[in-house]
N, C-alpha and C. Protein backbone atom coordinates (compact mmCIF):
# COMPACT_ATOMS: atom_id res chain seq x y z
N MET A 1 -99.11 -3.71 144.95
CA MET A 1 -98.09 -4.31 144.08
C MET A 1 -97.44 -3.12 143.41
N ALA A 2 -98.03 -1.97 143.09
CA ALA A 2 -97.52 -0.85 142.58
C ALA A 2 -96.38 -0.25 143.34
N VAL A 3 -96.66 -0.15 144.60
CA VAL A 3 -95.64 0.37 145.72
C VAL A 3 -94.52 -0.50 145.66
N ALA A 4 -94.84 -2.01 145.91
CA ALA A 4 -93.60 -2.90 145.94
C ALA A 4 -92.77 -2.83 144.78
N GLY A 5 -93.49 -2.80 143.60
CA GLY A 5 -92.65 -2.77 142.32
C GLY A 5 -91.86 -1.56 142.18
N SER A 6 -92.39 -0.47 142.39
CA SER A 6 -91.81 0.77 142.63
C SER A 6 -90.64 1.00 143.55
N ALA A 7 -90.68 0.26 144.47
CA ALA A 7 -89.70 0.22 145.57
C ALA A 7 -88.60 -0.56 145.16
N VAL A 8 -88.74 -1.62 144.31
CA VAL A 8 -87.43 -2.42 143.70
C VAL A 8 -86.99 -1.63 142.32
N VAL A 9 -87.96 -1.22 141.55
CA VAL A 9 -87.27 -0.66 140.23
C VAL A 9 -86.73 0.60 140.41
N GLY A 10 -87.47 1.48 141.09
CA GLY A 10 -87.07 2.92 141.41
C GLY A 10 -85.51 3.03 141.86
N PRO A 11 -85.23 2.23 142.99
CA PRO A 11 -83.83 2.43 143.34
C PRO A 11 -82.81 1.71 142.31
N LEU A 12 -83.22 0.79 141.68
CA LEU A 12 -82.45 0.13 140.70
C LEU A 12 -82.01 1.12 139.53
N LEU A 13 -82.94 1.91 139.05
CA LEU A 13 -82.92 2.90 138.11
C LEU A 13 -82.01 4.06 138.72
N LEU A 14 -82.03 4.41 139.84
CA LEU A 14 -81.09 5.29 140.42
C LEU A 14 -79.81 4.80 140.39
N PHE A 15 -79.53 3.53 140.92
CA PHE A 15 -78.27 3.05 140.92
C PHE A 15 -77.55 2.90 139.73
N TYR A 16 -78.43 2.48 138.51
CA TYR A 16 -77.80 2.25 137.27
C TYR A 16 -77.50 3.56 136.71
N GLY A 17 -78.19 4.73 136.96
CA GLY A 17 -78.04 5.90 136.54
C GLY A 17 -76.72 6.53 137.10
N TRP A 18 -76.63 6.30 138.57
CA TRP A 18 -75.28 6.68 139.22
C TRP A 18 -74.03 5.93 138.53
N LEU A 19 -74.19 4.72 138.35
CA LEU A 19 -73.02 3.93 137.87
C LEU A 19 -72.67 4.43 136.38
N LEU A 20 -73.69 4.82 135.61
CA LEU A 20 -73.42 5.31 134.24
C LEU A 20 -72.67 6.51 134.24
N LEU A 21 -73.27 7.47 135.08
CA LEU A 21 -72.57 8.75 135.23
C LEU A 21 -71.20 8.69 135.76
N TRP A 22 -71.06 7.87 136.85
CA TRP A 22 -69.71 7.58 137.37
C TRP A 22 -68.62 7.09 136.42
N PHE A 23 -69.00 6.24 135.67
CA PHE A 23 -67.89 5.64 134.85
C PHE A 23 -67.92 6.18 133.36
N HIS A 24 -68.81 7.04 133.06
CA HIS A 24 -68.76 7.49 131.66
C HIS A 24 -67.60 8.28 131.23
N PRO A 25 -67.01 9.12 131.99
CA PRO A 25 -65.74 9.74 131.39
C PRO A 25 -64.52 8.73 131.33
N GLU A 26 -64.49 7.64 132.26
CA GLU A 26 -63.38 6.81 131.96
C GLU A 26 -63.55 5.91 130.96
N ILE A 27 -64.70 5.40 130.79
CA ILE A 27 -64.72 4.35 129.66
C ILE A 27 -64.93 4.79 128.14
N THR A 28 -65.60 6.05 127.96
CA THR A 28 -65.91 6.33 126.66
C THR A 28 -64.80 7.22 126.19
N ASN A 29 -63.87 7.69 126.89
CA ASN A 29 -62.66 8.24 126.29
C ASN A 29 -61.78 7.42 125.40
N PRO A 30 -61.89 7.52 124.19
CA PRO A 30 -61.37 6.44 123.22
C PRO A 30 -59.86 6.50 123.39
N GLY A 31 -59.34 5.30 123.24
CA GLY A 31 -58.15 5.09 122.98
C GLY A 31 -57.10 5.30 124.40
N TRP A 32 -57.76 5.36 125.50
CA TRP A 32 -57.00 5.61 126.61
C TRP A 32 -56.43 4.36 127.42
N CYS A 33 -56.94 3.28 126.89
CA CYS A 33 -56.50 2.16 127.47
C CYS A 33 -56.29 1.04 126.36
N VAL A 34 -55.34 0.05 126.72
CA VAL A 34 -55.09 -1.11 125.58
C VAL A 34 -56.29 -1.89 125.51
N GLN A 35 -57.11 -2.07 126.53
CA GLN A 35 -58.33 -2.91 126.45
C GLN A 35 -59.43 -2.40 125.71
N GLU A 36 -59.39 -1.03 125.26
CA GLU A 36 -60.56 -0.55 124.28
C GLU A 36 -60.42 -1.19 122.99
N SER A 37 -59.26 -1.91 122.56
CA SER A 37 -59.22 -2.49 121.31
C SER A 37 -59.60 -4.00 121.38
N ALA A 38 -60.08 -4.42 122.56
CA ALA A 38 -60.39 -5.99 122.91
C ALA A 38 -61.75 -6.34 122.11
N ASP A 39 -61.95 -7.41 122.13
CA ASP A 39 -63.22 -7.94 121.37
C ASP A 39 -64.38 -7.35 122.08
N TRP A 40 -65.51 -7.46 121.49
CA TRP A 40 -66.82 -6.85 122.10
C TRP A 40 -67.34 -7.80 123.02
N GLY A 41 -66.78 -7.63 124.31
CA GLY A 41 -67.14 -8.50 125.40
C GLY A 41 -67.02 -7.74 126.84
N PHE A 42 -67.08 -8.36 127.87
CA PHE A 42 -66.95 -7.75 129.26
C PHE A 42 -65.83 -6.94 129.48
N ASP A 43 -64.59 -6.99 128.57
CA ASP A 43 -63.56 -6.17 128.89
C ASP A 43 -63.53 -5.06 127.83
N ASN A 44 -64.28 -4.80 127.11
CA ASN A 44 -64.56 -3.65 126.23
C ASN A 44 -65.35 -2.64 127.03
N GLY A 45 -64.81 -1.58 127.51
CA GLY A 45 -65.45 -0.61 128.32
C GLY A 45 -66.49 0.25 127.62
N THR A 46 -66.33 0.41 126.43
CA THR A 46 -67.52 1.27 125.59
C THR A 46 -68.60 0.34 125.32
N PHE A 47 -68.33 -0.95 125.10
CA PHE A 47 -69.51 -1.68 124.75
C PHE A 47 -70.17 -2.02 126.03
N VAL A 48 -69.44 -2.31 127.09
CA VAL A 48 -70.25 -2.52 128.40
C VAL A 48 -71.30 -1.33 128.72
N TRP A 49 -70.67 -0.21 128.68
CA TRP A 49 -71.43 0.97 129.09
C TRP A 49 -72.53 1.13 128.11
N LEU A 50 -72.46 0.85 126.86
CA LEU A 50 -73.67 1.15 125.86
C LEU A 50 -74.68 0.15 126.23
N VAL A 51 -74.30 -1.18 126.59
CA VAL A 51 -75.30 -2.15 126.71
C VAL A 51 -75.99 -1.83 128.09
N THR A 52 -75.21 -1.45 129.13
CA THR A 52 -76.08 -1.04 130.44
C THR A 52 -76.74 0.05 130.22
N CYS A 53 -76.35 1.15 129.33
CA CYS A 53 -77.18 2.30 129.16
C CYS A 53 -78.41 2.00 128.28
N ALA A 54 -78.35 1.11 127.29
CA ALA A 54 -79.59 0.81 126.54
C ALA A 54 -80.47 -0.04 127.52
N HIS A 55 -80.14 -0.92 128.33
CA HIS A 55 -81.06 -1.54 129.28
C HIS A 55 -81.64 -0.64 130.33
N THR A 56 -80.78 0.24 130.67
CA THR A 56 -81.34 1.30 131.74
C THR A 56 -82.41 2.21 130.99
N VAL A 57 -82.28 2.57 129.89
CA VAL A 57 -83.16 3.52 129.09
C VAL A 57 -84.34 2.75 128.94
N ALA A 58 -84.23 1.60 128.57
CA ALA A 58 -85.46 0.63 128.19
C ALA A 58 -86.27 0.47 129.61
N GLY A 59 -85.65 0.33 130.62
CA GLY A 59 -86.09 0.26 131.98
C GLY A 59 -86.82 1.55 132.35
N ILE A 60 -86.28 2.66 132.23
CA ILE A 60 -86.81 3.92 132.42
C ILE A 60 -88.31 4.19 131.50
N VAL A 61 -88.05 3.80 130.31
CA VAL A 61 -89.29 3.94 129.48
C VAL A 61 -90.43 2.98 129.90
N CYS A 62 -90.14 1.91 130.28
CA CYS A 62 -91.25 0.88 130.70
C CYS A 62 -91.69 1.23 132.17
N PHE A 63 -90.78 1.74 132.99
CA PHE A 63 -91.39 2.32 134.30
C PHE A 63 -92.09 3.46 134.09
N GLY A 64 -91.87 4.46 133.22
CA GLY A 64 -92.59 5.45 132.93
C GLY A 64 -93.96 5.17 132.48
N LEU A 65 -94.05 4.26 131.71
CA LEU A 65 -95.33 3.74 130.93
C LEU A 65 -96.17 3.06 132.03
N ALA A 66 -95.52 2.26 132.96
CA ALA A 66 -96.15 1.74 134.01
C ALA A 66 -96.95 2.72 134.92
N LEU A 67 -96.29 3.68 135.15
CA LEU A 67 -96.79 4.74 136.11
C LEU A 67 -97.90 5.72 135.35
N LEU A 68 -97.71 5.88 134.05
CA LEU A 68 -98.64 6.72 133.12
C LEU A 68 -99.92 5.68 133.07
N ASN A 69 -99.84 4.40 132.95
CA ASN A 69 -100.90 3.57 132.78
C ASN A 69 -101.78 3.28 134.23
N LEU A 70 -100.67 3.32 135.19
CA LEU A 70 -101.50 3.18 136.50
C LEU A 70 -102.61 4.19 136.84
N TYR A 71 -102.32 5.40 136.42
CA TYR A 71 -103.45 6.51 136.64
C TYR A 71 -104.50 6.49 135.76
N ARG A 72 -104.21 5.93 134.51
CA ARG A 72 -105.31 5.76 133.54
C ARG A 72 -106.26 4.59 133.53
N GLY A 73 -105.73 3.49 134.46
CA GLY A 73 -106.59 2.38 134.68
C GLY A 73 -106.32 1.29 133.61
N ARG A 74 -105.29 1.29 133.03
CA ARG A 74 -104.91 0.35 132.08
C ARG A 74 -103.94 -0.73 132.62
N ARG A 75 -103.46 -1.71 131.71
CA ARG A 75 -102.67 -2.69 132.23
C ARG A 75 -101.18 -2.08 132.57
N TRP A 76 -101.06 -1.53 133.80
CA TRP A 76 -99.58 -1.11 134.13
C TRP A 76 -98.73 -2.08 134.63
N TRP A 77 -99.24 -3.23 135.21
CA TRP A 77 -98.44 -4.25 135.80
C TRP A 77 -97.39 -4.90 134.64
N LEU A 78 -97.89 -4.86 133.39
CA LEU A 78 -97.04 -5.59 132.41
C LEU A 78 -95.69 -4.73 132.22
N TRP A 79 -95.96 -3.37 132.11
CA TRP A 79 -94.65 -2.50 131.92
C TRP A 79 -93.76 -2.69 133.26
N LEU A 80 -94.39 -2.62 134.33
CA LEU A 80 -93.56 -2.83 135.46
C LEU A 80 -92.69 -4.19 135.44
N ILE A 81 -93.22 -5.04 135.07
CA ILE A 81 -92.59 -6.54 134.94
C ILE A 81 -91.58 -6.40 133.72
N LEU A 82 -91.81 -5.67 132.78
CA LEU A 82 -90.91 -5.52 131.69
C LEU A 82 -89.73 -4.63 132.18
N ALA A 83 -89.93 -3.61 133.09
CA ALA A 83 -88.88 -2.73 133.52
C ALA A 83 -87.92 -3.43 134.27
N ALA A 84 -88.45 -4.41 135.19
CA ALA A 84 -87.71 -5.46 135.85
C ALA A 84 -86.92 -6.29 135.16
N VAL A 85 -87.54 -6.71 134.07
CA VAL A 85 -86.71 -7.73 133.24
C VAL A 85 -85.50 -6.94 132.62
N PHE A 86 -85.72 -5.84 132.08
CA PHE A 86 -84.66 -5.08 131.49
C PHE A 86 -83.55 -4.68 132.50
N LEU A 87 -83.90 -4.44 133.59
CA LEU A 87 -82.98 -4.09 134.73
C LEU A 87 -82.16 -5.31 135.22
N GLY A 88 -82.89 -6.52 135.32
CA GLY A 88 -82.39 -7.72 135.83
C GLY A 88 -81.51 -8.09 134.59
N ALA A 89 -81.69 -7.83 133.36
CA ALA A 89 -80.71 -8.28 132.25
C ALA A 89 -79.53 -7.36 132.22
N ALA A 90 -79.63 -6.17 132.77
CA ALA A 90 -78.62 -5.29 132.85
C ALA A 90 -77.72 -5.65 133.91
N TRP A 91 -78.10 -6.36 134.90
CA TRP A 91 -77.19 -6.42 136.21
C TRP A 91 -75.81 -6.96 135.85
N PRO A 92 -75.63 -8.02 135.01
CA PRO A 92 -74.42 -8.47 134.84
C PRO A 92 -73.41 -7.36 134.17
N TRP A 93 -74.08 -6.66 133.29
CA TRP A 93 -73.18 -5.61 132.50
C TRP A 93 -72.96 -4.48 133.47
N ALA A 94 -73.95 -4.05 134.39
CA ALA A 94 -73.74 -3.07 135.31
C ALA A 94 -72.69 -3.31 136.31
N THR A 95 -72.52 -4.54 136.81
CA THR A 95 -71.52 -4.98 137.67
C THR A 95 -70.16 -5.21 137.02
N GLY A 96 -70.06 -5.19 135.64
CA GLY A 96 -68.87 -5.36 134.96
C GLY A 96 -68.24 -3.91 134.63
N LEU A 97 -69.00 -2.88 134.88
CA LEU A 97 -68.45 -1.53 134.60
C LEU A 97 -67.26 -1.21 135.30
N SER A 98 -67.06 -1.40 136.51
CA SER A 98 -65.94 -1.12 137.32
C SER A 98 -64.75 -2.14 136.76
N ARG A 99 -64.94 -3.31 136.30
CA ARG A 99 -63.88 -4.06 135.80
C ARG A 99 -63.40 -3.77 134.35
N ALA A 100 -64.30 -3.17 133.58
CA ALA A 100 -64.07 -2.86 132.30
C ALA A 100 -63.35 -1.38 132.32
N ALA A 101 -63.67 -0.46 133.51
CA ALA A 101 -62.90 0.84 133.48
C ALA A 101 -61.42 0.71 134.04
N TRP A 102 -61.21 -0.34 134.61
CA TRP A 102 -59.84 -0.61 135.16
C TRP A 102 -58.84 -0.79 133.92
N CYS A 103 -57.65 0.01 133.96
CA CYS A 103 -56.75 -0.27 132.88
C CYS A 103 -55.37 -0.63 133.80
N PRO A 104 -54.81 -1.66 133.25
CA PRO A 104 -53.55 -2.11 134.00
C PRO A 104 -52.42 -1.15 133.88
N PRO A 105 -51.71 -0.94 134.90
CA PRO A 105 -50.67 -0.16 134.68
C PRO A 105 -49.41 -0.57 133.71
N PHE A 106 -48.92 0.27 132.91
CA PHE A 106 -47.92 0.06 131.88
C PHE A 106 -46.54 -0.25 132.38
C-alpha cells in the first residue's frame, strides 16, 4: 500500500510543483491584467495560485509525515490518505491555473 500510495501522491506533488513554478511569474505579478481586480474566484490568478500552493504544501507535509511514520512503525497510512485528500481538493484549482493566467488582448 505504501508503494501504491507513493506512486500516486509522488507524481501529483511533482506535477503541482511544476505548475506552481510555471505560472508563478505570470500570475503573481500585480496589476498586469484587468482580471486581477476580479472577485476572489477562479478568474483571480493570485487567489488560484495561493489556494493551489496551500493545498500542495499541506500535501507535501502529510506525505513527509507518512514516510517518516512508515519507518517508525506508527500509523503512516492516515497521513498518506490526508495527502491524497489535499491533492484531490487542489485539482480543480490546479487545472484553473492556466485559465487564470490568460489575459485577453486589449
